[in-house]
Amino acid sequence: MATVREFNLLSALPRCVRDVGARRASKDESRRLALQFGREYFDGTREQGYGGYRYDGRWVAIARRAIEHWQLKPGDRVLDIGCAKGFFVKDLRDVLSGLDAIGIDISDYALENAHPDAKPYLFKASCDDLPFADRSFAAVFAINTIHNLERDGCKRALREIERVCPGGGFVQVDAYRTETERELFLEWMLTAKTFDTPAGWMELFNAAGYTGQHGWTILELDDGVIQDKQVISPR
């Protein structure tokens, strides 16, 4: 059985306050638009997705944390799966000169509207069929991406990550620990097709032979509003 390690890579990201009531009013239409991963999802209203996905430097701290944790050095090649507009790729390259960071995404809109510093290093591809040779990378990041596939697709994606970077992957996925958290997730989510408890995800990781690291994105109710929390499960 694979041994998957927990790591809170996203601890420096700010919490996001979410108005679930506003999204509930148009949930079906918002989900339809979000699943196109086009302008509405990235730069439409908050009910449709990000509500405007713009560079604000928040990924710099995550890039530093990743570089330190994976002990990356100039010349290493790393991959960001689901890179969107390439903000993480840009900051990885800026923080460590000489790091060969690239990204992939399925969204034509995101790639066409990517940060100019990252755009030359971004490509269209899907996480369950990576166009790279075995052992191509020193680290692979798939942050809130693979859960947008059905369960079998998640398993294929995990196997692909393991193939191109054995033991060096990091996967962040939506999870819930209680029925209340599950209900909050169902109220809010637009694009995730697979979600589970941490234990359920661990079963999938093991079934796929994934030996990298992981983290959870969990929604919590705080003072009457939904916030997301980047956590690791209790040991």
Protein backbone atom coordinates (compact mmCIF):
# COMPACT_ATOMS: atom_id res chain seq x y z
CA MET A 1 0.00 0.00 0.00
CA ALA A 2 1.25 3.47 -0.91
CA THR A 3 2.25 5.80 1.87
CA VAL A 4 0.84 9.27 1.17
CA ARG A 5 2.09 12.15 3.28
CA GLU A 6 0.07 15.15 4.41
CA PHE A 7 1.42 18.66 3.88
CA ASN A 8 -0.30 22.03 4.24
CA LEU A 9 1.26 23.75 1.25
CA LEU A 10 -1.42 26.45 1.09
CA SER A 11 -1.24 27.60 4.70
CA ALA A 12 -0.26 31.14 3.68
CA LEU A 13 -3.28 31.70 1.44
CA PRO A 14 -5.97 34.00 2.89
CA ARG A 15 -9.36 32.52 3.69
CA CYS A 16 -12.09 33.25 1.18
CA VAL A 17 -15.53 34.32 2.41
CA ARG A 18 -18.29 32.78 0.30
CA ASP A 19 -21.89 33.98 -0.01
CA VAL A 20 -23.63 30.67 -0.58
CA GLY A 21 -27.05 32.30 -0.63
CA ALA A 22 -26.21 34.36 -3.70
CA ARG A 23 -24.86 31.31 -5.53
CA ARG A 24 -27.84 29.16 -4.53
CA ALA A 25 -30.22 31.50 -6.37
CA SER A 26 -28.67 30.64 -9.74
CA LYS A 27 -26.76 27.44 -8.97
CA ASP A 28 -27.76 25.34 -12.00
CA GLU A 29 -26.95 28.06 -14.53
CA SER A 30 -23.76 29.04 -12.72
CA ARG A 31 -22.60 25.41 -12.68
CA ARG A 32 -23.30 25.08 -16.41
CA LEU A 33 -21.21 28.16 -17.14
CA ALA A 34 -18.43 27.21 -14.71
CA LEU A 35 -17.96 23.81 -16.30
CA GLN A 36 -17.02 25.54 -19.55
CA PHE A 37 -13.96 26.98 -17.75
CA GLY A 38 -14.29 30.14 -19.82
CA ARG A 39 -14.64 33.86 -19.17
CA GLU A 40 -17.58 33.45 -16.77
CA TYR A 41 -15.67 31.01 -14.58
CA PHE A 42 -12.52 33.09 -14.28
CA ASP A 43 -13.72 36.66 -14.74
CA GLY A 44 -17.49 36.58 -14.35
CA THR A 45 -19.42 37.00 -11.11
CA ARG A 46 -18.52 35.23 -7.87
CA GLU A 47 -21.64 33.10 -8.32
CA GLN A 48 -20.15 31.74 -11.57
CA GLY A 49 -16.64 31.05 -10.29
CA TYR A 50 -13.67 33.13 -9.16
CA GLY A 51 -15.37 36.48 -9.59
CA GLY A 52 -12.27 37.89 -11.30
CA TYR A 53 -9.04 35.88 -11.26
CA ARG A 54 -6.30 38.52 -11.15
CA TYR A 55 -2.68 38.46 -10.10
CA ASP A 56 -2.20 39.82 -6.57
CA GLY A 57 1.04 38.16 -5.45
CA ARG A 58 -0.57 35.71 -3.05
CA TRP A 59 1.21 32.76 -4.67
CA VAL A 60 4.68 34.13 -3.87
CA ALA A 61 4.59 32.72 -0.33
CA ILE A 62 3.34 29.38 -1.67
CA ALA A 63 6.15 29.30 -4.22
CA ARG A 64 8.74 29.92 -1.50
CA ARG A 65 7.23 27.21 0.67
CA ALA A 66 7.20 24.73 -2.22
CA ILE A 67 10.78 25.47 -3.23
CA GLU A 68 11.99 25.00 0.32
CA HIS A 69 9.94 21.88 1.03
CA TRP A 70 10.85 20.08 -2.20
CA GLN A 71 14.44 21.41 -2.01
CA LEU A 72 14.23 22.66 -5.57
CA LYS A 73 17.25 24.15 -7.29
CA PRO A 74 18.02 25.95 -10.56
CA GLY A 75 17.63 23.58 -13.49
CA ASP A 76 14.93 21.48 -11.84
CA ARG A 77 11.75 21.04 -13.85
CA VAL A 78 8.38 21.37 -12.09
CA LEU A 79 4.79 21.18 -13.33
CA ASP A 80 1.66 23.01 -12.21
CA ILE A 81 -1.44 21.04 -13.25
CA GLY A 82 -4.53 23.21 -13.61
CA CYS A 83 -2.34 26.30 -13.84
CA ALA A 84 -5.19 28.63 -14.90
CA LYS A 85 -3.58 32.00 -15.77
CA GLY A 86 -0.15 30.86 -14.63
CA PHE A 87 0.27 32.90 -11.46
CA PHE A 88 1.92 30.05 -9.53
CA VAL A 89 4.21 29.29 -12.47
CA LYS A 90 5.25 32.96 -12.65
CA ASP A 91 6.01 33.14 -8.94
CA LEU A 92 7.93 29.86 -8.90
CA ARG A 93 10.15 31.22 -11.67
CA ASP A 94 10.52 34.61 -10.00
CA VAL A 95 11.38 33.21 -6.57
CA LEU A 96 13.98 30.75 -7.87
CA SER A 97 15.88 31.97 -10.93
CA GLY A 98 16.67 29.10 -13.25
CA LEU A 99 13.78 26.91 -12.11
CA ASP A 100 12.08 25.39 -15.15
CA ALA A 101 8.44 25.74 -14.05
CA ILE A 102 5.71 25.03 -16.59
CA GLY A 103 1.94 24.70 -16.37
CA ILE A 104 -0.94 22.95 -18.11
CA ASP A 105 -4.65 23.67 -18.19
CA ILE A 106 -7.67 22.64 -20.28
CA SER A 107 -9.05 26.19 -20.45
CA ASP A 108 -8.38 28.08 -23.67
CA TYR A 109 -9.63 31.26 -21.98
CA ALA A 110 -7.21 30.97 -19.05
CA LEU A 111 -4.24 30.23 -21.29
CA GLU A 112 -5.09 33.07 -23.67
CA ASN A 113 -5.45 35.49 -20.74
CA ALA A 114 -2.46 34.23 -18.76
CA HIS A 115 0.03 36.47 -17.02
CA PRO A 116 2.49 37.61 -19.70
CA ASP A 117 5.48 36.45 -17.65
CA ALA A 118 4.09 32.91 -17.50
CA LYS A 119 2.36 32.59 -20.86
CA PRO A 120 5.37 31.15 -22.77
CA TYR A 121 5.53 28.29 -20.28
CA LEU A 122 1.87 27.25 -20.30
CA PHE A 123 0.32 24.54 -22.45
CA LYS A 124 -3.06 22.95 -23.04
CA ALA A 125 -3.34 19.41 -21.66
CA SER A 126 -5.45 17.33 -19.29
CA CYS A 127 -4.24 15.95 -15.97
CA ASP A 128 -5.36 12.40 -16.78
CA ASP A 129 -3.19 12.18 -19.91
CA LEU A 130 0.04 14.08 -19.31
CA PRO A 131 2.13 14.63 -22.47
CA PHE A 132 5.43 14.12 -20.68
CA ALA A 133 7.92 11.29 -20.36
CA ASP A 134 8.33 9.19 -17.23
CA ARG A 135 10.24 10.88 -14.40
CA SER A 136 10.18 14.26 -16.17
CA PHE A 137 9.81 16.45 -13.09
CA ALA A 138 11.32 17.15 -9.69
CA ALA A 139 7.88 18.18 -8.37
CA VAL A 140 4.31 18.21 -9.68
CA PHE A 141 1.50 20.30 -8.17
CA ALA A 142 -2.20 19.65 -8.79
CA ILE A 143 -4.03 22.14 -6.59
CA ASN A 144 -7.83 21.86 -6.56
CA THR A 145 -7.80 20.29 -10.02
CA ILE A 146 -8.15 16.51 -10.22
CA HIS A 147 -11.45 16.53 -8.32
CA ASN A 148 -13.00 18.14 -11.41
CA LEU A 149 -12.88 14.65 -12.97
CA GLU A 150 -15.07 11.66 -12.24
CA ARG A 151 -13.55 9.14 -9.82
CA ASP A 152 -11.96 6.99 -12.54
CA GLY A 153 -10.47 10.14 -14.05
CA CYS A 154 -9.02 11.08 -10.66
CA LYS A 155 -7.36 7.69 -10.47
CA ARG A 156 -5.87 8.11 -13.95
CA ALA A 157 -4.61 11.58 -13.02
CA LEU A 158 -2.97 10.29 -9.84
CA ARG A 159 -1.26 7.53 -11.81
CA GLU A 160 -0.04 10.06 -14.36
CA ILE A 161 1.37 12.30 -11.62
CA GLU A 162 3.13 9.31 -10.12
CA ARG A 163 4.48 8.31 -13.54
CA VAL A 164 6.07 11.67 -14.35
CA CYS A 165 7.23 12.39 -10.79
CA PRO A 166 7.37 9.29 -8.57
CA GLY A 167 6.86 10.32 -4.95
CA GLY A 168 7.22 14.02 -5.77
CA GLY A 169 3.64 15.03 -6.38
CA PHE A 170 1.35 17.28 -4.38
CA VAL A 171 -2.42 17.01 -4.76
CA GLN A 172 -4.96 19.31 -3.07
CA VAL A 173 -8.60 18.21 -3.25
CA ASP A 174 -11.99 19.17 -1.83
CA ALA A 175 -12.91 17.13 1.23
CA TYR A 176 -15.34 17.08 4.13
CA ARG A 177 -15.14 15.56 7.62
CA THR A 178 -18.75 15.89 8.81
CA GLU A 179 -22.19 15.85 7.26
CA THR A 180 -22.44 19.60 7.85
CA GLU A 181 -19.25 20.18 5.86
CA ARG A 182 -20.58 17.89 3.11
CA GLU A 183 -23.80 19.88 2.89
CA LEU A 184 -21.85 23.15 2.73
CA PHE A 185 -19.75 21.73 -0.07
CA LEU A 186 -22.80 20.65 -2.05
CA GLU A 187 -24.31 24.12 -1.62
CA TRP A 188 -21.19 25.86 -2.93
CA MET A 189 -19.30 23.68 -5.39
CA LEU A 190 -19.56 24.28 -9.14
CA THR A 191 -16.97 22.14 -10.90
CA ALA A 192 -15.93 19.29 -8.57
CA LYS A 193 -17.23 15.92 -9.73
CA THR A 194 -15.45 13.85 -7.09
CA PHE A 195 -15.41 14.67 -3.39
CA ASP A 196 -14.97 12.51 -0.32
CA THR A 197 -13.82 12.33 3.26
CA PRO A 198 -10.08 12.29 3.90
CA ALA A 199 -10.32 8.54 4.49
CA GLY A 200 -12.15 8.08 1.21
CA TRP A 201 -9.53 10.06 -0.66
CA MET A 202 -6.78 8.02 0.97
CA GLU A 203 -8.39 4.86 -0.37
CA LEU A 204 -8.33 6.36 -3.86
CA PHE A 205 -4.72 7.50 -3.50
CA ASN A 206 -3.71 4.01 -2.46
CA ALA A 207 -5.72 2.36 -5.24
CA ALA A 208 -3.92 4.56 -7.78
CA GLY A 209 -0.49 3.81 -6.30
CA TYR A 210 0.05 7.50 -5.60
CA THR A 211 2.97 8.07 -3.19
CA GLY A 212 3.21 11.85 -3.16
CA GLN A 213 1.84 14.39 -0.70
CA HIS A 214 -1.60 15.91 -0.35
CA GLY A 215 -3.75 18.52 1.35
CA TRP A 216 -7.48 19.17 1.78
CA THR A 217 -9.66 22.15 1.00
CA ILE A 218 -12.55 22.06 3.48
CA LEU A 219 -15.47 24.47 3.76
CA GLU A 220 -16.47 25.59 7.25
CA LEU A 221 -19.29 27.74 8.61
CA ASP A 222 -17.83 30.67 10.55
CA ASP A 223 -20.06 33.43 11.98
CA GLY A 224 -22.79 32.57 9.52
CA VAL A 225 -20.69 32.64 6.34
CA ILE A 226 -18.83 29.92 4.53
CA GLN A 227 -15.06 30.12 4.50
CA ASP A 228 -12.54 27.76 2.98
CA LYS A 229 -9.76 26.32 5.07
CA GLN A 230 -6.60 24.70 3.78
CA VAL A 231 -6.00 21.90 6.27
CA ILE A 232 -4.40 18.56 6.80
CA SER A 233 -6.36 15.81 8.44
CA PRO A 234 -5.75 14.93 12.10
CA ARG A 235 -2.93 12.45 12.57
